[in-house]
């Protein structure tokens, strides 16, 4: 008996090691847990523009990972071929939100665990992760940050705008300043005393202030 015969008899006979009922149960659970992950993602999303396509991708990725892992665990030769095929795939889509990375790893982990046959771990782990995300991701800060963009003509108008702003908000910190000939642009992080934004109208009405813009800010910054 040659090494090729031993290799074939040891591995190629395991192609049908996963029964059809097991496949159906595993894929049904993958679909259910993918929907659960999609629901958690939709409820906890805090970005600027919600992408329904990414939510559907989470559902599809859960089932795709399960199918791939079922094939890998059923036959070693097939798994080697998949490793070679997947190694040439390159993804160029940038992940804009940090939480999106956690959801991607969550879907992949669920697919791997389901294909490994550890169904209780996949279900219980997903429930625990979902509850934790619902509790912590939806927690909003007590004072919402804003970014104020003020365009002034000279240093005197800049000083007057800063003095007015400091009396109207709880906190004011300069995050950026751009100076050009006859123009000064300030980017400031502000924390409002309340939800009253009438001070923006007062800023725009100051002599020497060309424009005043206030936008909500929920990103990350250093400083």
Protein backbone atom coordinates (compact mmCIF):
# COMPACT_ATOMS: atom_id res chain seq x y z
CA UNK A 1 0.00 0.00 0.00
CA UNK A 2 1.47 3.32 -1.05
CA UNK A 3 1.35 6.59 0.90
CA UNK A 4 -1.23 7.88 -1.57
CA UNK A 5 -3.52 4.93 -0.79
CA UNK A 6 -3.17 5.52 2.94
CA UNK A 7 -3.88 9.23 2.48
CA UNK A 8 -6.98 8.53 0.42
CA UNK A 9 -8.34 5.86 2.74
CA UNK A 10 -7.79 8.04 5.79
CA UNK A 11 -9.29 11.30 4.60
CA UNK A 12 -11.34 11.03 1.45
CA UNK A 13 -13.82 8.64 3.05
CA UNK A 14 -14.86 11.35 5.51
CA UNK A 15 -16.58 13.50 2.90
CA UNK A 16 -20.05 12.46 4.08
CA UNK A 17 -19.21 12.50 7.79
CA UNK A 18 -21.68 15.38 8.37
CA UNK A 19 -25.22 14.13 8.00
CA UNK A 20 -27.97 16.08 6.28
CA UNK A 21 -30.03 16.57 9.49
CA UNK A 22 -26.96 17.97 11.24
CA UNK A 23 -26.36 20.31 8.32
CA UNK A 24 -29.96 21.55 8.41
CA UNK A 25 -29.91 22.13 12.18
CA UNK A 26 -26.56 23.91 12.04
CA UNK A 27 -27.59 26.17 9.16
CA UNK A 28 -30.92 26.97 10.81
CA UNK A 29 -29.12 28.00 14.00
CA UNK A 30 -26.63 30.01 11.94
CA UNK A 31 -29.53 31.85 10.30
CA UNK A 32 -31.23 32.49 13.66
CA UNK A 33 -28.05 33.71 15.35
CA UNK A 34 -27.21 35.81 12.28
CA UNK A 35 -30.60 37.52 12.59
CA UNK A 36 -29.93 38.07 16.30
CA UNK A 37 -26.55 39.67 15.52
CA UNK A 38 -28.24 41.81 12.85
CA UNK A 39 -30.83 42.95 15.40
CA UNK A 40 -28.18 43.82 17.98
CA UNK A 41 -26.17 45.72 15.37
CA UNK A 42 -29.22 47.75 14.35
CA UNK A 43 -30.14 48.57 17.96
CA UNK A 44 -26.62 49.55 19.03
CA UNK A 45 -25.47 51.43 15.93
CA UNK A 46 -24.26 54.92 16.87
CA UNK A 47 -22.59 56.08 13.66
CA UNK A 48 -23.60 58.87 11.33
CA UNK A 49 -25.09 56.85 8.45
CA UNK A 50 -26.64 53.43 9.12
CA UNK A 51 -25.84 50.86 6.44
CA UNK A 52 -28.47 48.14 6.08
CA UNK A 53 -26.14 46.36 3.66
CA UNK A 54 -23.59 45.79 6.40
CA UNK A 55 -26.30 44.30 8.62
CA UNK A 56 -27.28 41.86 5.89
CA UNK A 57 -23.58 41.07 5.45
CA UNK A 58 -23.40 40.01 9.10
CA UNK A 59 -26.25 37.57 8.53
CA UNK A 60 -24.68 36.18 5.36
CA UNK A 61 -21.21 35.96 6.91
CA UNK A 62 -22.52 33.85 9.78
CA UNK A 63 -24.01 31.29 7.41
CA UNK A 64 -21.05 31.37 5.00
CA UNK A 65 -18.58 30.76 7.82
CA UNK A 66 -20.70 27.86 9.04
CA UNK A 67 -20.83 26.28 5.58
CA UNK A 68 -17.08 26.67 5.08
CA UNK A 69 -16.23 25.23 8.49
CA UNK A 70 -18.57 22.28 7.96
CA UNK A 71 -16.70 21.49 4.77
CA UNK A 72 -13.33 21.95 6.45
CA UNK A 73 -14.14 19.72 9.41
CA UNK A 74 -15.55 16.98 7.18
CA UNK A 75 -12.52 16.51 4.93
CA UNK A 76 -8.87 17.47 5.40
CA UNK A 77 -8.07 17.48 1.66
CA UNK A 78 -10.95 19.88 1.01
CA UNK A 79 -9.78 22.10 3.86
CA UNK A 80 -6.33 22.41 2.30
CA UNK A 81 -7.91 23.45 -0.98
CA UNK A 82 -10.05 26.07 0.73
CA UNK A 83 -7.04 27.51 2.54
CA UNK A 84 -5.32 27.95 -0.80
CA UNK A 85 -8.39 29.45 -2.43
CA UNK A 86 -9.16 31.88 0.38
CA UNK A 87 -5.53 32.99 0.63
CA UNK A 88 -5.80 34.80 -2.71
CA UNK A 89 -8.86 36.81 -1.67
CA UNK A 90 -8.20 40.47 -0.87
CA UNK A 91 -10.74 42.75 0.79
CA UNK A 92 -10.42 46.49 0.18
CA UNK A 93 -13.47 47.80 2.05
CA UNK A 94 -12.44 50.01 4.97
CA UNK A 95 -14.08 49.52 8.37
CA UNK A 96 -15.29 52.97 9.42
CA UNK A 97 -16.72 52.18 12.86
CA UNK A 98 -14.69 50.38 15.57
CA UNK A 99 -17.77 48.44 16.68
CA UNK A 100 -18.14 46.98 13.19
CA UNK A 101 -14.95 44.98 13.74
CA UNK A 102 -16.43 43.41 16.87
CA UNK A 103 -19.56 42.37 14.95
CA UNK A 104 -17.50 40.86 12.14
CA UNK A 105 -15.48 38.77 14.58
CA UNK A 106 -18.70 37.82 16.36
CA UNK A 107 -20.27 36.43 13.18
CA UNK A 108 -17.11 34.52 12.25
CA UNK A 109 -16.79 33.07 15.76
CA UNK A 110 -20.44 31.95 15.78
CA UNK A 111 -20.01 30.22 12.43
CA UNK A 112 -16.89 28.38 13.61
CA UNK A 113 -18.44 27.30 16.91
CA UNK A 114 -21.64 26.07 15.25
CA UNK A 115 -19.68 24.05 12.69
CA UNK A 116 -17.64 22.54 15.51
CA UNK A 117 -20.85 21.19 17.04
CA UNK A 118 -20.78 23.32 20.19
CA UNK A 119 -24.34 24.60 19.77
CA UNK A 120 -25.01 25.57 23.42
CA UNK A 121 -21.82 27.64 23.51
CA UNK A 122 -22.80 29.50 20.34
CA UNK A 123 -26.32 30.24 21.60
CA UNK A 124 -25.39 31.17 25.18
CA UNK A 125 -22.33 33.14 24.11
CA UNK A 126 -24.34 35.14 21.58
CA UNK A 127 -27.02 35.94 24.14
CA UNK A 128 -24.45 37.15 26.67
CA UNK A 129 -22.59 39.25 24.08
CA UNK A 130 -25.85 40.73 22.80
CA UNK A 131 -27.02 41.75 26.28
CA UNK A 132 -23.64 43.33 27.07
CA UNK A 133 -23.67 45.32 23.83
CA UNK A 134 -27.23 46.50 24.43
CA UNK A 135 -26.32 47.71 27.91
CA UNK A 136 -23.04 49.44 27.17
CA UNK A 137 -23.33 50.54 23.53
CA UNK A 138 -26.61 52.40 24.12
CA UNK A 139 -25.26 54.26 27.14
CA UNK A 140 -25.08 57.91 26.20
CA UNK A 141 -22.85 60.50 27.87
CA UNK A 142 -24.54 62.96 30.19
CA UNK A 143 -23.27 65.95 28.19
CA UNK A 144 -23.18 65.50 24.42
CA UNK A 145 -20.14 67.04 22.68
CA UNK A 146 -20.50 69.46 19.79
CA UNK A 147 -18.08 70.98 17.33
CA UNK A 148 -18.34 74.74 16.70
CA UNK A 149 -16.77 76.15 13.54
CA UNK A 150 -16.37 79.92 13.65
CA UNK A 151 -14.93 81.97 10.78
CA UNK A 152 -13.66 85.42 11.80
CA UNK A 153 -11.98 88.27 9.93
CA UNK A 154 -9.31 89.30 12.41
CA UNK A 155 -7.94 88.70 15.89
CA UNK A 156 -10.31 91.18 17.53
CA UNK A 157 -13.41 89.41 16.25
CA UNK A 158 -11.84 86.06 17.24
CA UNK A 159 -11.36 87.30 20.80
CA UNK A 160 -14.93 88.62 20.97
CA UNK A 161 -16.33 85.31 19.70
CA UNK A 162 -14.34 83.32 22.27
CA UNK A 163 -15.49 85.56 25.12
CA UNK A 164 -19.13 85.20 24.11
CA UNK A 165 -18.82 81.46 23.63
CA UNK A 166 -17.24 80.89 27.05
CA UNK A 167 -20.15 82.60 28.74
CA UNK A 168 -22.77 80.53 26.90
CA UNK A 169 -21.39 76.98 27.15
CA UNK A 170 -20.20 74.74 29.95
CA UNK A 171 -16.87 73.90 28.35
CA UNK A 172 -14.95 75.18 25.36
CA UNK A 173 -11.67 73.76 24.02
CA UNK A 174 -9.85 74.69 20.83
CA UNK A 175 -9.31 71.63 18.61
CA UNK A 176 -8.02 73.40 15.51
CA UNK A 177 -7.21 76.83 14.17
CA UNK A 178 -6.63 77.88 10.57
CA UNK A 179 -5.27 81.36 9.82
CA UNK A 180 -5.28 82.87 6.33
CA UNK A 181 -4.94 86.38 5.02
CA UNK A 182 -8.00 88.19 6.35
CA UNK A 183 -9.60 85.02 7.77
CA UNK A 184 -9.37 83.00 10.99
CA UNK A 185 -11.22 79.70 11.33
CA UNK A 186 -11.67 78.10 14.75
CA UNK A 187 -12.72 74.49 15.42
CA UNK A 188 -13.82 74.11 19.02
CA UNK A 189 -15.28 71.32 21.11
CA UNK A 190 -18.11 72.68 23.23
CA UNK A 191 -20.33 71.21 25.93
CA UNK A 192 -23.68 72.95 26.23
CA UNK A 193 -25.19 73.99 29.53
CA UNK A 194 -28.56 72.91 28.14
CA UNK A 195 -29.94 72.15 24.70
CA UNK A 196 -30.30 75.85 23.88
CA UNK A 197 -28.34 76.73 20.74
CA UNK A 198 -29.35 80.39 20.41
CA UNK A 199 -25.76 81.42 21.14
CA UNK A 200 -24.89 80.36 17.57
CA UNK A 201 -27.13 83.16 16.28
CA UNK A 202 -25.40 85.60 18.64
CA UNK A 203 -22.00 84.46 17.40
CA UNK A 204 -23.00 84.93 13.76
CA UNK A 205 -24.27 88.44 14.58
CA UNK A 206 -20.97 89.65 16.03
CA UNK A 207 -19.08 92.25 14.09
CA UNK A 208 -16.25 90.58 12.19
CA UNK A 209 -17.71 87.05 12.35
CA UNK A 210 -18.59 85.77 8.90
CA UNK A 211 -20.17 82.43 9.90
CA UNK A 212 -20.81 80.17 12.89
CA UNK A 213 -21.65 76.48 12.57
CA UNK A 214 -22.55 73.98 15.31
CA UNK A 215 -22.58 70.24 14.59
CA UNK A 216 -23.06 67.19 16.78
CA UNK A 217 -19.93 65.11 17.33
CA UNK A 218 -19.76 61.46 18.39
CA UNK A 219 -16.37 60.38 17.11
CA UNK A 220 -13.12 59.63 18.87
CA UNK A 221 -10.38 62.17 19.36
CA UNK A 222 -7.04 62.38 21.10
CA UNK A 223 -6.44 65.00 23.74
